[in-house]
Amino acid sequence: MKLCGKKYLAYIHVCENTRGIPGTGLVPWKEFFTAVKDVGYDGPLTIESFDPDFEEVNRNCAIWRRFAQSGEVLAVEGLRNLRAIAATV
C-alpha cells in the first residue's frame, strides 16, 4: 500500500482470511488500518465475501459452507468490527 499510496487507490476490498466476518479471523487489521492512515487514504472500503443465500454463485465458486447467518449479518458485524479496530489506530 505504501508503494502505490493514496494516488492510485480508488477503493479497497477488505476480506477476512476465512472469507467470513471481518475481525474474526487472522488478518492483522490494526496494521492494515495503520497503513491506510499512513498513506492518507480516506476512500471507501468494501467488504468482500459471499452471501450464503446466493446458492448459484456459491456453487460456481465452490463455496461449501456458510460464512454468516446471512449477508446482512456478515456486513453489519463486519462493519462494527472494522470500525472498532480502526478507532484504535
PDB file of N, CA and C in Angstrom:
ATOM      1  N   MET A   1       0.823  -1.184   0.000  1.00  0.00           N
ATOM      2  CA  MET A   1       0.000   0.000   0.000  1.00  0.00           C
ATOM      3  C   MET A   1       0.875   1.258   0.000  1.00  0.00           C
ATOM      4  N   LYS A   2       1.971   1.206   0.706  1.00  0.00           N
ATOM      5  CA  LYS A   2       2.845   2.383   0.746  1.00  0.00           C
ATOM      6  C   LYS A   2       3.470   2.663  -0.618  1.00  0.00           C
ATOM      7  N   LEU A   3       3.658   1.624  -1.437  1.00  0.00           N
ATOM      8  CA  LEU A   3       4.247   1.828  -2.754  1.00  0.00           C
ATOM      9  C   LEU A   3       3.301   2.567  -3.697  1.00  0.00           C
ATOM     10  N   CYS A   4       2.019   2.244  -3.634  1.00  0.00           N
ATOM     11  CA  CYS A   4       1.088   2.910  -4.544  1.00  0.00           C
ATOM     12  C   CYS A   4       0.501   4.164  -3.912  1.00  0.00           C
ATOM     13  N   GLY A   5       0.386   4.179  -2.603  1.00  0.00           N
ATOM     14  CA  GLY A   5      -0.100   5.368  -1.915  1.00  0.00           C
ATOM     15  C   GLY A   5      -1.514   5.769  -2.289  1.00  0.00           C
ATOM     16  N   LYS A   6      -1.938   6.855  -1.750  1.00  0.00           N
ATOM     17  CA  LYS A   6      -3.289   7.359  -1.954  1.00  0.00           C
ATOM     18  C   LYS A   6      -3.572   7.663  -3.430  1.00  0.00           C
ATOM     19  N   LYS A   7      -2.547   8.074  -4.148  1.00  0.00           N
ATOM     20  CA  LYS A   7      -2.720   8.496  -5.541  1.00  0.00           C
ATOM     21  C   LYS A   7      -3.378   7.427  -6.408  1.00  0.00           C
ATOM     22  N   TYR A   8      -3.058   6.164  -6.173  1.00  0.00           N
ATOM     23  CA  TYR A   8      -3.548   5.097  -7.034  1.00  0.00           C
ATOM     24  C   TYR A   8      -4.657   4.248  -6.418  1.00  0.00           C
ATOM     25  N   LEU A   9      -5.085   4.564  -5.226  1.00  0.00           N
ATOM     26  CA  LEU A   9      -6.140   3.792  -4.583  1.00  0.00           C
ATOM     27  C   LEU A   9      -7.497   4.427  -4.849  1.00  0.00           C
ATOM     28  N   ALA A  10      -8.363   3.708  -5.519  1.00  0.00           N
ATOM     29  CA  ALA A  10      -9.719   4.197  -5.772  1.00  0.00           C
ATOM     30  C   ALA A  10     -10.667   3.668  -4.712  1.00  0.00           C
ATOM     31  N   TYR A  11     -10.480   2.423  -4.336  1.00  0.00           N
ATOM     32  CA  TYR A  11     -11.227   1.812  -3.251  1.00  0.00           C
ATOM     33  C   TYR A  11     -10.452   0.571  -2.817  1.00  0.00           C
ATOM     34  N   ILE A  12     -10.795   0.047  -1.652  1.00  0.00           N
ATOM     35  CA  ILE A  12     -10.095  -1.123  -1.122  1.00  0.00           C
ATOM     36  C   ILE A  12     -11.122  -2.179  -0.738  1.00  0.00           C
ATOM     37  N   HIS A  13     -10.892  -3.402  -1.203  1.00  0.00           N
ATOM     38  CA  HIS A  13     -11.700  -4.538  -0.774  1.00  0.00           C
ATOM     39  C   HIS A  13     -11.088  -5.064   0.514  1.00  0.00           C
ATOM     40  N   VAL A  14     -11.915  -5.310   1.501  1.00  0.00           N
ATOM     41  CA  VAL A  14     -11.443  -5.928   2.738  1.00  0.00           C
ATOM     42  C   VAL A  14     -12.107  -7.282   2.882  1.00  0.00           C
ATOM     43  N   CYS A  15     -11.345  -8.243   3.336  1.00  0.00           N
ATOM     44  CA  CYS A  15     -11.847  -9.610   3.406  1.00  0.00           C
ATOM     45  C   CYS A  15     -11.094 -10.337   4.511  1.00  0.00           C
ATOM     46  N   GLU A  16     -11.781 -11.126   5.256  1.00  0.00           N
ATOM     47  CA  GLU A  16     -11.128 -11.930   6.286  1.00  0.00           C
ATOM     48  C   GLU A  16     -10.457 -13.124   5.624  1.00  0.00           C
ATOM     49  N   ASN A  17      -9.437 -13.669   6.253  1.00  0.00           N
ATOM     50  CA  ASN A  17      -8.717 -14.791   5.663  1.00  0.00           C
ATOM     51  C   ASN A  17      -9.624 -16.002   5.455  1.00  0.00           C
ATOM     52  N   THR A  18     -10.693 -16.102   6.198  1.00  0.00           N
ATOM     53  CA  THR A  18     -11.631 -17.212   6.077  1.00  0.00           C
ATOM     54  C   THR A  18     -12.814 -16.870   5.178  1.00  0.00           C
ATOM     55  N   ARG A  19     -12.831 -15.648   4.636  1.00  0.00           N
ATOM     56  CA  ARG A  19     -13.933 -15.091   3.856  1.00  0.00           C
ATOM     57  C   ARG A  19     -15.146 -14.809   4.737  1.00  0.00           C
ATOM     58  N   GLY A  20     -14.989 -15.001   6.027  1.00  0.00           N
ATOM     59  CA  GLY A  20     -16.081 -14.764   6.959  1.00  0.00           C
ATOM     60  C   GLY A  20     -16.147 -13.314   7.409  1.00  0.00           C
ATOM     61  N   ILE A  21     -16.726 -13.104   8.571  1.00  0.00           N
ATOM     62  CA  ILE A  21     -16.949 -11.768   9.109  1.00  0.00           C
ATOM     63  C   ILE A  21     -15.609 -11.105   9.420  1.00  0.00           C
ATOM     64  N   PRO A  22     -15.319  -9.951   8.815  1.00  0.00           N
ATOM     65  CA  PRO A  22     -14.069  -9.253   9.110  1.00  0.00           C
ATOM     66  C   PRO A  22     -13.912  -9.015  10.616  1.00  0.00           C
ATOM     67  N   GLY A  23     -12.710  -9.287  11.098  1.00  0.00           N
ATOM     68  CA  GLY A  23     -12.419  -9.127  12.516  1.00  0.00           C
ATOM     69  C   GLY A  23     -12.531 -10.413  13.307  1.00  0.00           C
ATOM     70  N   THR A  24     -12.859 -11.519  12.626  1.00  0.00           N
ATOM     71  CA  THR A  24     -12.999 -12.798  13.320  1.00  0.00           C
ATOM     72  C   THR A  24     -11.945 -13.822  12.919  1.00  0.00           C
ATOM     73  N   GLY A  25     -11.039 -13.432  12.060  1.00  0.00           N
ATOM     74  CA  GLY A  25     -10.027 -14.375  11.565  1.00  0.00           C
ATOM     75  C   GLY A  25      -8.624 -13.945  11.936  1.00  0.00           C
ATOM     76  N   LEU A  26      -7.709 -14.096  10.998  1.00  0.00           N
ATOM     77  CA  LEU A  26      -6.288 -13.860  11.254  1.00  0.00           C
ATOM     78  C   LEU A  26      -5.705 -12.625  10.575  1.00  0.00           C
ATOM     79  N   VAL A  27      -6.495 -11.874   9.834  1.00  0.00           N
ATOM     80  CA  VAL A  27      -5.971 -10.684   9.151  1.00  0.00           C
ATOM     81  C   VAL A  27      -5.527  -9.665  10.205  1.00  0.00           C
ATOM     82  N   PRO A  28      -4.329  -9.111  10.060  1.00  0.00           N
ATOM     83  CA  PRO A  28      -3.838  -8.109  11.022  1.00  0.00           C
ATOM     84  C   PRO A  28      -4.466  -6.731  10.743  1.00  0.00           C
ATOM     85  N   TRP A  29      -5.720  -6.567  11.143  1.00  0.00           N
ATOM     86  CA  TRP A  29      -6.484  -5.373  10.805  1.00  0.00           C
ATOM     87  C   TRP A  29      -5.883  -4.097  11.375  1.00  0.00           C
ATOM     88  N   LYS A  30      -5.330  -4.147  12.566  1.00  0.00           N
ATOM     89  CA  LYS A  30      -4.745  -2.923  13.136  1.00  0.00           C
ATOM     90  C   LYS A  30      -3.595  -2.435  12.256  1.00  0.00           C
ATOM     91  N   GLU A  31      -2.765  -3.341  11.803  1.00  0.00           N
ATOM     92  CA  GLU A  31      -1.661  -2.982  10.913  1.00  0.00           C
ATOM     93  C   GLU A  31      -2.196  -2.469   9.577  1.00  0.00           C
ATOM     94  N   PHE A  32      -3.253  -3.098   9.079  1.00  0.00           N
ATOM     95  CA  PHE A  32      -3.878  -2.650   7.842  1.00  0.00           C
ATOM     96  C   PHE A  32      -4.359  -1.211   7.977  1.00  0.00           C
ATOM     97  N   PHE A  33      -5.105  -0.910   9.042  1.00  0.00           N
ATOM     98  CA  PHE A  33      -5.635   0.436   9.218  1.00  0.00           C
ATOM     99  C   PHE A  33      -4.520   1.450   9.479  1.00  0.00           C
ATOM    100  N   THR A  34      -3.444   1.024  10.089  1.00  0.00           N
ATOM    101  CA  THR A  34      -2.290   1.915  10.268  1.00  0.00           C
ATOM    102  C   THR A  34      -1.713   2.289   8.908  1.00  0.00           C
ATOM    103  N   ALA A  35      -1.553   1.311   8.017  1.00  0.00           N
ATOM    104  CA  ALA A  35      -1.038   1.582   6.673  1.00  0.00           C
ATOM    105  C   ALA A  35      -1.984   2.486   5.893  1.00  0.00           C
ATOM    106  N   VAL A  36      -3.288   2.229   5.990  1.00  0.00           N
ATOM    107  CA  VAL A  36      -4.280   3.060   5.304  1.00  0.00           C
ATOM    108  C   VAL A  36      -4.167   4.506   5.789  1.00  0.00           C
ATOM    109  N   LYS A  37      -4.037   4.660   7.088  1.00  0.00           N
ATOM    110  CA  LYS A  37      -3.919   6.002   7.675  1.00  0.00           C
ATOM    111  C   LYS A  37      -2.606   6.665   7.245  1.00  0.00           C
ATOM    112  N   ASP A  38      -1.509   5.899   7.245  1.00  0.00           N
ATOM    113  CA  ASP A  38      -0.190   6.444   6.898  1.00  0.00           C
ATOM    114  C   ASP A  38      -0.132   7.012   5.484  1.00  0.00           C
ATOM    115  N   VAL A  39      -0.866   6.399   4.547  1.00  0.00           N
ATOM    116  CA  VAL A  39      -0.847   6.909   3.174  1.00  0.00           C
ATOM    117  C   VAL A  39      -1.904   7.982   2.948  1.00  0.00           C
ATOM    118  N   GLY A  40      -2.745   8.227   3.946  1.00  0.00           N
ATOM    119  CA  GLY A  40      -3.745   9.280   3.833  1.00  0.00           C
ATOM    120  C   GLY A  40      -4.977   8.881   3.049  1.00  0.00           C
ATOM    121  N   TYR A  41      -5.193   7.578   2.916  1.00  0.00           N
ATOM    122  CA  TYR A  41      -6.364   7.111   2.171  1.00  0.00           C
ATOM    123  C   TYR A  41      -7.624   7.380   2.981  1.00  0.00           C
ATOM    124  N   ASP A  42      -8.620   7.973   2.338  1.00  0.00           N
ATOM    125  CA  ASP A  42      -9.884   8.242   3.018  1.00  0.00           C
ATOM    126  C   ASP A  42     -11.081   7.838   2.160  1.00  0.00           C
ATOM    127  N   GLY A  43     -10.845   6.947   1.230  1.00  0.00           N
ATOM    128  CA  GLY A  43     -11.904   6.492   0.338  1.00  0.00           C
ATOM    129  C   GLY A  43     -12.648   5.301   0.904  1.00  0.00           C
ATOM    130  N   PRO A  44     -13.490   4.689   0.077  1.00  0.00           N
ATOM    131  CA  PRO A  44     -14.329   3.588   0.550  1.00  0.00           C
ATOM    132  C   PRO A  44     -13.571   2.281   0.749  1.00  0.00           C
ATOM    133  N   LEU A  45     -14.066   1.513   1.690  1.00  0.00           N
ATOM    134  CA  LEU A  45     -13.650   0.127   1.904  1.00  0.00           C
ATOM    135  C   LEU A  45     -14.880  -0.728   1.611  1.00  0.00           C
ATOM    136  N   THR A  46     -14.688  -1.826   0.927  1.00  0.00           N
ATOM    137  CA  THR A  46     -15.789  -2.699   0.561  1.00  0.00           C
ATOM    138  C   THR A  46     -15.552  -4.079   1.147  1.00  0.00           C
ATOM    139  N   ILE A  47     -16.498  -4.552   1.959  1.00  0.00           N
ATOM    140  CA  ILE A  47     -16.372  -5.899   2.496  1.00  0.00           C
ATOM    141  C   ILE A  47     -16.642  -6.884   1.361  1.00  0.00           C
ATOM    142  N   GLU A  48     -15.708  -7.780   1.162  1.00  0.00           N
ATOM    143  CA  GLU A  48     -15.816  -8.760   0.077  1.00  0.00           C
ATOM    144  C   GLU A  48     -16.007 -10.150   0.667  1.00  0.00           C
ATOM    145  N   SER A  49     -17.127 -10.750   0.391  1.00  0.00           N
ATOM    146  CA  SER A  49     -17.401 -12.111   0.840  1.00  0.00           C
ATOM    147  C   SER A  49     -18.501 -12.692  -0.024  1.00  0.00           C
ATOM    148  N   PHE A  50     -19.141 -13.722   0.461  1.00  0.00           N
ATOM    149  CA  PHE A  50     -20.212 -14.380  -0.263  1.00  0.00           C
ATOM    150  C   PHE A  50     -21.446 -14.457   0.613  1.00  0.00           C
ATOM    151  N   ASP A  51     -22.580 -14.047   0.085  1.00  0.00           N
ATOM    152  CA  ASP A  51     -23.847 -14.145   0.791  1.00  0.00           C
ATOM    153  C   ASP A  51     -24.311 -15.600   0.711  1.00  0.00           C
ATOM    154  N   PRO A  52     -24.596 -16.215   1.846  1.00  0.00           N
ATOM    155  CA  PRO A  52     -24.986 -17.633   1.819  1.00  0.00           C
ATOM    156  C   PRO A  52     -26.280 -17.909   1.071  1.00  0.00           C
ATOM    157  N   ASP A  53     -27.082 -16.894   0.839  1.00  0.00           N
ATOM    158  CA  ASP A  53     -28.352 -17.094   0.147  1.00  0.00           C
ATOM    159  C   ASP A  53     -28.225 -17.144  -1.376  1.00  0.00           C
ATOM    160  N   PHE A  54     -27.062 -16.788  -1.919  1.00  0.00           N
ATOM    161  CA  PHE A  54     -26.857 -16.833  -3.361  1.00  0.00           C
ATOM    162  C   PHE A  54     -26.282 -18.191  -3.745  1.00  0.00           C
ATOM    163  N   GLU A  55     -27.146 -19.179  -3.771  1.00  0.00           N
ATOM    164  CA  GLU A  55     -26.709 -20.559  -3.945  1.00  0.00           C
ATOM    165  C   GLU A  55     -25.973 -20.802  -5.255  1.00  0.00           C
ATOM    166  N   GLU A  56     -26.437 -20.198  -6.346  1.00  0.00           N
ATOM    167  CA  GLU A  56     -25.789 -20.430  -7.640  1.00  0.00           C
ATOM    168  C   GLU A  56     -24.358 -19.889  -7.645  1.00  0.00           C
ATOM    169  N   VAL A  57     -24.181 -18.684  -7.130  1.00  0.00           N
ATOM    170  CA  VAL A  57     -22.830 -18.104  -7.058  1.00  0.00           C
ATOM    171  C   VAL A  57     -21.949 -18.960  -6.166  1.00  0.00           C
ATOM    172  N   ASN A  58     -22.461 -19.351  -5.016  1.00  0.00           N
ATOM    173  CA  ASN A  58     -21.679 -20.181  -4.100  1.00  0.00           C
ATOM    174  C   ASN A  58     -21.289 -21.510  -4.741  1.00  0.00           C
ATOM    175  N   ARG A  59     -22.208 -22.108  -5.463  1.00  0.00           N
ATOM    176  CA  ARG A  59     -21.916 -23.375  -6.143  1.00  0.00           C
ATOM    177  C   ARG A  59     -20.842 -23.169  -7.214  1.00  0.00           C
ATOM    178  N   ASN A  60     -20.963 -22.106  -7.990  1.00  0.00           N
ATOM    179  CA  ASN A  60     -19.988 -21.827  -9.050  1.00  0.00           C
ATOM    180  C   ASN A  60     -18.606 -21.493  -8.497  1.00  0.00           C
ATOM    181  N   CYS A  61     -18.563 -20.939  -7.303  1.00  0.00           N
ATOM    182  CA  CYS A  61     -17.282 -20.560  -6.685  1.00  0.00           C
ATOM    183  C   CYS A  61     -16.788 -21.619  -5.700  1.00  0.00           C
ATOM    184  N   ALA A  62     -17.467 -22.753  -5.645  1.00  0.00           N
ATOM    185  CA  ALA A  62     -17.103 -23.855  -4.745  1.00  0.00           C
ATOM    186  C   ALA A  62     -17.102 -23.422  -3.281  1.00  0.00           C
ATOM    187  N   ILE A  63     -18.072 -22.600  -2.913  1.00  0.00           N
ATOM    188  CA  ILE A  63     -18.234 -22.209  -1.511  1.00  0.00           C
ATOM    189  C   ILE A  63     -19.108 -23.282  -0.873  1.00  0.00           C
ATOM    190  N   TRP A  64     -18.558 -23.999   0.082  1.00  0.00           N
ATOM    191  CA  TRP A  64     -19.245 -25.158   0.634  1.00  0.00           C
ATOM    192  C   TRP A  64     -19.725 -24.960   2.067  1.00  0.00           C
ATOM    193  N   ARG A  65     -19.534 -23.748   2.622  1.00  0.00           N
ATOM    194  CA  ARG A  65     -20.001 -23.500   3.992  1.00  0.00           C
ATOM    195  C   ARG A  65     -20.525 -22.074   4.106  1.00  0.00           C
ATOM    196  N   ARG A  66     -21.301 -21.838   5.129  1.00  0.00           N
ATOM    197  CA  ARG A  66     -21.857 -20.508   5.374  1.00  0.00           C
ATOM    198  C   ARG A  66     -20.849 -19.716   6.187  1.00  0.00           C
ATOM    199  N   PHE A  67     -20.589 -18.479   5.780  1.00  0.00           N
ATOM    200  CA  PHE A  67     -19.666 -17.606   6.495  1.00  0.00           C
ATOM    201  C   PHE A  67     -20.367 -16.805   7.579  1.00  0.00           C
ATOM    202  N   ALA A  68     -21.677 -16.697   7.480  1.00  0.00           N
ATOM    203  CA  ALA A  68     -22.503 -15.981   8.451  1.00  0.00           C
ATOM    204  C   ALA A  68     -23.941 -16.437   8.230  1.00  0.00           C
ATOM    205  N   GLN A  69     -24.817 -16.065   9.162  1.00  0.00           N
ATOM    206  CA  GLN A  69     -26.227 -16.442   9.023  1.00  0.00           C
ATOM    207  C   GLN A  69     -26.841 -15.864   7.753  1.00  0.00           C
ATOM    208  N   SER A  70     -26.387 -14.665   7.387  1.00  0.00           N
ATOM    209  CA  SER A  70     -26.903 -14.004   6.185  1.00  0.00           C
ATOM    210  C   SER A  70     -25.866 -12.987   5.719  1.00  0.00           C
ATOM    211  N   GLY A  71     -26.065 -12.486   4.513  1.00  0.00           N
ATOM    212  CA  GLY A  71     -25.190 -11.431   4.014  1.00  0.00           C
ATOM    213  C   GLY A  71     -25.299 -10.181   4.875  1.00  0.00           C
ATOM    214  N   GLU A  72     -26.496  -9.917   5.363  1.00  0.00           N
ATOM    215  CA  GLU A  72     -26.698  -8.735   6.216  1.00  0.00           C
ATOM    216  C   GLU A  72     -25.938  -8.869   7.535  1.00  0.00           C
ATOM    217  N   VAL A  73     -25.985 -10.027   8.153  1.00  0.00           N
ATOM    218  CA  VAL A  73     -25.243 -10.247   9.398  1.00  0.00           C
ATOM    219  C   VAL A  73     -23.751 -10.073   9.141  1.00  0.00           C
ATOM    220  N   LEU A  74     -23.270 -10.634   8.053  1.00  0.00           N
ATOM    221  CA  LEU A  74     -21.853 -10.501   7.724  1.00  0.00           C
ATOM    222  C   LEU A  74     -21.467  -9.035   7.572  1.00  0.00           C
ATOM    223  N   ALA A  75     -22.281  -8.277   6.859  1.00  0.00           N
ATOM    224  CA  ALA A  75     -21.985  -6.863   6.630  1.00  0.00           C
ATOM    225  C   ALA A  75     -22.066  -6.044   7.910  1.00  0.00           C
ATOM    226  N   VAL A  76     -23.120  -6.230   8.677  1.00  0.00           N
ATOM    227  CA  VAL A  76     -23.320  -5.432   9.896  1.00  0.00           C
ATOM    228  C   VAL A  76     -22.245  -5.738  10.931  1.00  0.00           C
ATOM    229  N   GLU A  77     -22.007  -7.021  11.192  1.00  0.00           N
ATOM    230  CA  GLU A  77     -20.990  -7.383  12.179  1.00  0.00           C
ATOM    231  C   GLU A  77     -19.587  -7.030  11.688  1.00  0.00           C
ATOM    232  N   GLY A  78     -19.334  -7.246  10.397  1.00  0.00           N
ATOM    233  CA  GLY A  78     -18.028  -6.897   9.841  1.00  0.00           C
ATOM    234  C   GLY A  78     -17.765  -5.407   9.947  1.00  0.00           C
ATOM    235  N   LEU A  79     -18.755  -4.593   9.612  1.00  0.00           N
ATOM    236  CA  LEU A  79     -18.593  -3.144   9.719  1.00  0.00           C
ATOM    237  C   LEU A  79     -18.354  -2.727  11.163  1.00  0.00           C
ATOM    238  N   ARG A  80     -19.113  -3.302  12.077  1.00  0.00           N
ATOM    239  CA  ARG A  80     -18.930  -2.979  13.502  1.00  0.00           C
ATOM    240  C   ARG A  80     -17.508  -3.336  13.959  1.00  0.00           C
ATOM    241  N   ASN A  81     -17.040  -4.519  13.588  1.00  0.00           N
ATOM    242  CA  ASN A  81     -15.691  -4.948  13.966  1.00  0.00           C
ATOM    243  C   ASN A  81     -14.628  -4.033  13.369  1.00  0.00           C
ATOM    244  N   LEU A  82     -14.754  -3.737  12.083  1.00  0.00           N
ATOM    245  CA  LEU A  82     -13.750  -2.901  11.413  1.00  0.00           C
ATOM    246  C   LEU A  82     -13.727  -1.483  11.978  1.00  0.00           C
ATOM    247  N   ARG A  83     -14.887  -0.922  12.262  1.00  0.00           N
ATOM    248  CA  ARG A  83     -14.934   0.416  12.867  1.00  0.00           C
ATOM    249  C   ARG A  83     -14.259   0.427  14.230  1.00  0.00           C
ATOM    250  N   ALA A  84     -14.506  -0.594  15.024  1.00  0.00           N
ATOM    251  CA  ALA A  84     -13.907  -0.677  16.362  1.00  0.00           C
ATOM    252  C   ALA A  84     -12.380  -0.785  16.264  1.00  0.00           C
ATOM    253  N   ILE A  85     -11.901  -1.583  15.336  1.00  0.00           N
ATOM    254  CA  ILE A  85     -10.444  -1.735  15.161  1.00  0.00           C
ATOM    255  C   ILE A  85      -9.841  -0.436  14.640  1.00  0.00           C
ATOM    256  N   ALA A  86     -10.457   0.166  13.638  1.00  0.00           N
ATOM    257  CA  ALA A  86      -9.939   1.417  13.046  1.00  0.00           C
ATOM    258  C   ALA A  86      -9.894   2.525  14.085  1.00  0.00           C
ATOM    259  N   ALA A  87     -10.814   2.516  15.027  1.00  0.00           N
ATOM    260  CA  ALA A  87     -10.836   3.568  16.063  1.00  0.00           C
ATOM    261  C   ALA A  87      -9.638   3.489  17.004  1.00  0.00           C
ATOM    262  N   THR A  88      -8.943   2.353  17.016  1.00  0.00           N
ATOM    263  CA  THR A  88      -7.788   2.214  17.899  1.00  0.00           C
ATOM    264  C   THR A  88      -6.494   2.694  17.257  1.00  0.00           C
ATOM    265  N   VAL A  89      -6.551   3.029  15.988  1.00  0.00           N
ATOM    266  CA  VAL A  89      -5.333   3.435  15.248  1.00  0.00           C
ATOM    267  C   VAL A  89      -5.203   4.939  15.268  1.00  0.00           C
TER     268      VAL A  89
END
